[in-house]
C-alpha atoms as a PDB file:
ATOM      1  CA  MET A   1      -0.849   3.690  -7.577  1.00  0.00           C
ATOM      2  CA  TRP A   2      -0.357   3.105 -11.248  1.00  0.00           C
ATOM      3  CA  PRO A   3       3.386   2.511 -11.721  1.00  0.00           C
ATOM      4  CA  PRO A   4       4.612   3.650 -15.104  1.00  0.00           C
ATOM      5  CA  VAL A   5       5.967   0.062 -15.724  1.00  0.00           C
ATOM      6  CA  PRO A   6       3.906  -2.701 -14.151  1.00  0.00           C
ATOM      7  CA  ALA A   7       6.704  -4.934 -13.176  1.00  0.00           C
ATOM      8  CA  ASN A   8      10.490  -5.040 -12.284  1.00  0.00           C
ATOM      9  CA  ASP A   9      12.722  -8.010 -12.900  1.00  0.00           C
ATOM     10  CA  ARG A  10      15.783  -9.100 -11.003  1.00  0.00           C
ATOM     11  CA  SER A  11      18.248 -11.868 -11.536  1.00  0.00           C
ATOM     12  CA  CYS A  12      19.314 -13.936  -8.561  1.00  0.00           C
ATOM     13  CA  VAL A  13      23.095 -14.011  -7.731  1.00  0.00           C
ATOM     14  CA  LYS A  14      22.853 -17.129  -5.735  1.00  0.00           C
ATOM     15  CA  PRO A  15      20.398 -19.927  -5.177  1.00  0.00           C
ATOM     16  CA  TYR A  16      17.372 -18.941  -2.989  1.00  0.00           C
ATOM     17  CA  THR A  17      14.505 -20.752  -1.353  1.00  0.00           C
ATOM     18  CA  ILE A  18      11.129 -19.239  -0.851  1.00  0.00           C
ATOM     19  CA  TRP A  19       9.380 -21.159   1.972  1.00  0.00           C
ATOM     20  CA  PRO A  20       5.715 -21.736   1.848  1.00  0.00           C
ATOM     21  CA  ASN A  21       3.289 -20.091   4.270  1.00  0.00           C
ATOM     22  CA  THR A  22       1.219 -23.377   4.405  1.00  0.00           C
ATOM     23  CA  SER A  23       2.045 -27.046   4.677  1.00  0.00           C
ATOM     24  CA  ASP A  24       0.277 -27.958   1.531  1.00  0.00           C
ATOM     25  CA  GLU A  25       2.572 -26.035  -0.665  1.00  0.00           C
ATOM     26  CA  SER A  26       6.117 -26.751  -1.665  1.00  0.00           C
ATOM     27  CA  PRO A  27       9.159 -24.487  -1.448  1.00  0.00           C
ATOM     28  CA  LEU A  28      10.114 -22.357  -4.380  1.00  0.00           C
ATOM     29  CA  GLU A  29      13.667 -22.974  -5.480  1.00  0.00           C
ATOM     30  CA  ILE A  30      15.237 -20.165  -7.376  1.00  0.00           C
ATOM     31  CA  PRO A  31      18.628 -20.940  -9.141  1.00  0.00           C
ATOM     32  CA  THR A  32      21.577 -18.739  -9.654  1.00  0.00           C
ATOM     33  CA  GLU A  33      20.640 -16.418 -12.456  1.00  0.00           C
ATOM     34  CA  GLY A  34      17.007 -17.327 -12.174  1.00  0.00           C
ATOM     35  CA  LEU A  35      14.839 -14.345 -13.174  1.00  0.00           C
ATOM     36  CA  ILE A  36      12.328 -13.054 -10.768  1.00  0.00           C
ATOM     37  CA  TRP A  37       9.282 -10.652 -11.891  1.00  0.00           C
ATOM     38  CA  ILE A  38       8.061  -8.361  -9.280  1.00  0.00           C
ATOM     39  CA  LEU A  39       4.675  -7.308 -10.109  1.00  0.00           C
ATOM     40  CA  SER A  40       4.312  -3.776  -8.504  1.00  0.00           C
ATOM     41  CA  HIS A  41       0.928  -3.262 -10.043  1.00  0.00           C
ATOM     42  CA  ALA A  42      -0.522  -6.285  -8.279  1.00  0.00           C
ATOM     43  CA  ILE A  43       1.220  -5.354  -4.899  1.00  0.00           C
ATOM     44  CA  HIS A  44      -0.285  -1.974  -5.234  1.00  0.00           C
ATOM     45  CA  ARG A  45      -3.858  -3.271  -5.713  1.00  0.00           C
ATOM     46  CA  ASP A  46      -3.597  -5.780  -2.994  1.00  0.00           C
ATOM     47  CA  PRO A  47      -6.086  -4.899  -0.187  1.00  0.00           C
ATOM     48  CA  LYS A  48      -3.820  -6.722   2.302  1.00  0.00           C
ATOM     49  CA  TYR A  49      -1.420  -3.808   1.911  1.00  0.00           C
ATOM     50  CA  TYR A  50      -3.809  -0.897   0.933  1.00  0.00           C
ATOM     51  CA  GLU A  51      -7.387  -0.244   2.325  1.00  0.00           C
ATOM     52  CA  ASP A  52      -9.557   0.348  -0.846  1.00  0.00           C
ATOM     53  CA  PRO A  53      -6.560   0.100  -3.085  1.00  0.00           C
ATOM     54  CA  ASN A  54      -8.513   1.240  -6.185  1.00  0.00           C
ATOM     55  CA  LYS A  55      -9.609   4.587  -4.705  1.00  0.00           C
ATOM     56  CA  PHE A  56      -7.773   7.636  -5.573  1.00  0.00           C
ATOM     57  CA  ASP A  57      -6.447   8.787  -2.169  1.00  0.00           C
ATOM     58  CA  PRO A  58      -3.365  10.953  -2.330  1.00  0.00           C
ATOM     59  CA  GLU A  59      -3.491  11.321   1.593  1.00  0.00           C
ATOM     60  CA  ARG A  60      -2.345   7.741   2.075  1.00  0.00           C
ATOM     61  CA  PHE A  61       1.083   9.106   0.998  1.00  0.00           C
ATOM     62  CA  SER A  62       1.134  12.079   3.260  1.00  0.00           C
ATOM     63  CA  ILE A  63       3.514  12.700   6.038  1.00  0.00           C
ATOM     64  CA  GLU A  64       0.947  11.717   8.605  1.00  0.00           C
ATOM     65  CA  ASN A  65       0.089   8.551   7.009  1.00  0.00           C
ATOM     66  CA  LYS A  66       3.287   7.383   5.307  1.00  0.00           C
ATOM     67  CA  HIS A  67       4.060   5.156   8.400  1.00  0.00           C
ATOM     68  CA  LYS A  68       1.037   2.915   7.552  1.00  0.00           C
ATOM     69  CA  ILE A  69       2.881   1.779   4.308  1.00  0.00           C
ATOM     70  CA  ARG A  70       4.500  -1.558   4.897  1.00  0.00           C
ATOM     71  CA  PRO A  71       8.175  -1.607   3.630  1.00  0.00           C
ATOM     72  CA  TYR A  72       8.475  -3.040   0.001  1.00  0.00           C
ATOM     73  CA  THR A  73       4.860  -2.657  -0.784  1.00  0.00           C
ATOM     74  CA  TYR A  74       5.057   0.765  -2.685  1.00  0.00           C
ATOM     75  CA  LEU A  75       7.430   0.174  -5.599  1.00  0.00           C
ATOM     76  CA  PRO A  76       6.614   2.803  -8.274  1.00  0.00           C
ATOM     77  CA  PHE A  77      10.353   2.925  -9.425  1.00  0.00           C
ATOM     78  CA  GLY A  78      11.469  -0.324  -7.769  1.00  0.00           C
ATOM     79  CA  LEU A  79      13.869  -0.376  -4.753  1.00  0.00           C
ATOM     80  CA  GLY A  80      17.479  -1.046  -3.757  1.00  0.00           C
ATOM     81  CA  PRO A  81      20.811  -0.406  -5.659  1.00  0.00           C
ATOM     82  CA  ARG A  82      19.080  -1.299  -9.048  1.00  0.00           C
ATOM     83  CA  ASN A  83      16.030   1.054  -8.810  1.00  0.00           C
ATOM     84  CA  CYS A  84      15.101   3.426 -11.532  1.00  0.00           C
ATOM     85  CA  ILE A  85      18.043   5.665 -12.190  1.00  0.00           C
ATOM     86  CA  GLY A  86      15.762   8.527 -13.217  1.00  0.00           C
ATOM     87  CA  SER A  87      13.184   8.413 -10.360  1.00  0.00           C
ATOM     88  CA  ARG A  88      14.236  11.451  -8.601  1.00  0.00           C
ATOM     89  CA  PHE A  89      14.388  13.422 -11.986  1.00  0.00           C
ATOM     90  CA  ALA A  90      10.720  12.038 -12.758  1.00  0.00           C
ATOM     91  CA  LEU A  91       9.399  13.224  -9.305  1.00  0.00           C
ATOM     92  CA  LEU A  92      11.159  16.593  -9.805  1.00  0.00           C
ATOM     93  CA  GLU A  93       9.577  16.869 -13.290  1.00  0.00           C
ATOM     94  CA  ILE A  94       5.972  15.956 -12.088  1.00  0.00           C
ATOM     95  CA  LYS A  95       6.123  18.457  -9.318  1.00  0.00           C
ATOM     96  CA  ILE A  96       7.077  21.359 -11.626  1.00  0.00           C
ATOM     97  CA  LEU A  97       4.533  20.229 -14.059  1.00  0.00           C
ATOM     98  CA  PHE A  98       1.823  20.149 -11.387  1.00  0.00           C
ATOM     99  CA  PHE A  99       3.076  23.351  -9.898  1.00  0.00           C
ATOM    100  CA  LYS A 100       2.849  25.050 -13.132  1.00  0.00           C
ATOM    101  CA  LEU A 101      -0.601  23.720 -14.060  1.00  0.00           C
ATOM    102  CA  LEU A 102      -2.264  24.545 -10.701  1.00  0.00           C
ATOM    103  CA  LEU A 103      -0.665  28.024 -10.724  1.00  0.00           C
ATOM    104  CA  ASN A 104      -2.107  28.791 -14.221  1.00  0.00           C
ATOM    105  CA  PHE A 105      -5.106  26.571 -14.854  1.00  0.00           C
ATOM    106  CA  GLU A 106      -8.167  25.375 -13.316  1.00  0.00           C
ATOM    107  CA  LEU A 107      -8.161  21.457 -13.966  1.00  0.00           C
ATOM    108  CA  GLY A 108     -11.051  19.439 -14.657  1.00  0.00           C
ATOM    109  CA  ILE A 109     -12.274  16.044 -16.175  1.00  0.00           C
ATOM    110  CA  GLY A 110     -12.203  16.130 -20.003  1.00  0.00           C
ATOM    111  CA  GLU A 111     -15.428  15.271 -21.786  1.00  0.00           C
ATOM    112  CA  LYS A 112     -13.706  12.234 -23.387  1.00  0.00           C
ATOM    113  CA  MET A 113     -12.552  10.816 -20.048  1.00  0.00           C
ATOM    114  CA  VAL A 114     -13.758   7.398 -19.309  1.00  0.00           C
ATOM    115  CA  TYR A 115     -14.399   6.629 -15.824  1.00  0.00           C
ATOM    116  CA  PRO A 116     -13.707   4.321 -13.960  1.00  0.00           C
ATOM    117  CA  LEU A 117     -10.216   4.167 -15.494  1.00  0.00           C
ATOM    118  CA  LYS A 118      -9.315   0.806 -17.025  1.00  0.00           C
ATOM    119  CA  LEU A 119      -5.937  -0.309 -18.050  1.00  0.00           C
ATOM    120  CA  ALA A 120      -5.225  -0.279 -21.941  1.00  0.00           C
ATOM    121  CA  ARG A 121      -4.018  -3.787 -22.913  1.00  0.00           C
ATOM    122  CA  ASN A 122      -2.121  -2.884 -25.820  1.00  0.00           C
ATOM    123  CA  GLY A 123       1.197  -1.441 -24.466  1.00  0.00           C
ATOM    124  CA  PHE A 124       4.033  -2.331 -22.061  1.00  0.00           C
ATOM    125  CA  ILE A 125       3.608   0.885 -19.861  1.00  0.00           C
ATOM    126  CA  HIS A 126       0.412   1.627 -17.946  1.00  0.00           C
ATOM    127  CA  THR A 127      -1.973   3.858 -19.787  1.00  0.00           C
ATOM    128  CA  ALA A 128      -5.542   4.458 -19.533  1.00  0.00           C
ATOM    129  CA  GLU A 129      -7.920   2.869 -22.052  1.00  0.00           C
ATOM    130  CA  GLY A 130      -9.119   5.544 -24.381  1.00  0.00           C
ATOM    131  CA  GLY A 131      -6.443   7.994 -22.989  1.00  0.00           C
ATOM    132  CA  PHE A 132      -6.366  10.405 -19.903  1.00  0.00           C
ATOM    133  CA  TRP A 133      -8.343  13.427 -20.799  1.00  0.00           C
ATOM    134  CA  LEU A 134      -8.242  16.734 -18.762  1.00  0.00           C
ATOM    135  CA  SER A 135      -9.807  20.146 -19.414  1.00  0.00           C
ATOM    136  CA  LEU A 136      -7.833  23.265 -18.645  1.00  0.00           C
ATOM    137  CA  LYS A 137      -9.163  26.661 -17.956  1.00  0.00           C
ATOM    138  CA  LYS A 138      -6.818  29.502 -17.765  1.00  0.00           C
ATOM    139  CA  LEU A 139      -6.997  31.450 -14.401  1.00  0.00           C
ATOM    140  CA  ASP A 140      -6.888  35.107 -14.357  1.00  0.00           C
ATOM    141  CA  SER A 141      -3.375  36.164 -13.892  1.00  0.00           C
ATOM    142  CA  SER A 142      -4.444  39.702 -12.716  1.00  0.00           C
ATOM    143  CA  THR A 143      -5.192  38.502  -9.068  1.00  0.00           C
END
């Protein structure tokens, strides 16, 4: 739930009004060519959309649980016609990487790893403060 880029931006092609949820708020008017930032990191961390959002839980994205994800609340590559052009390639790359790693190595948490993870504040893309450290132990290939 750490999207590589913490936000996506969109430019409005026509004026749009976002109506408030409560009577003590004013409508938000977005003009033509107004720039909108969609903070996917904040959406991914919102307990309104994800139970225990800071917990590492890959099963929340399993086929059995996929129906529980509300539309437009999981945005690792953005959505719509202007989503990341490389999203399918990136997913294919990561699947191949994990396949090769799990086929050949036992993975563990590296000694330098700091837990719980904290976001580094010195970059545009999401990275872990202090780095992301794994240990790899070569598996016996004779079995």
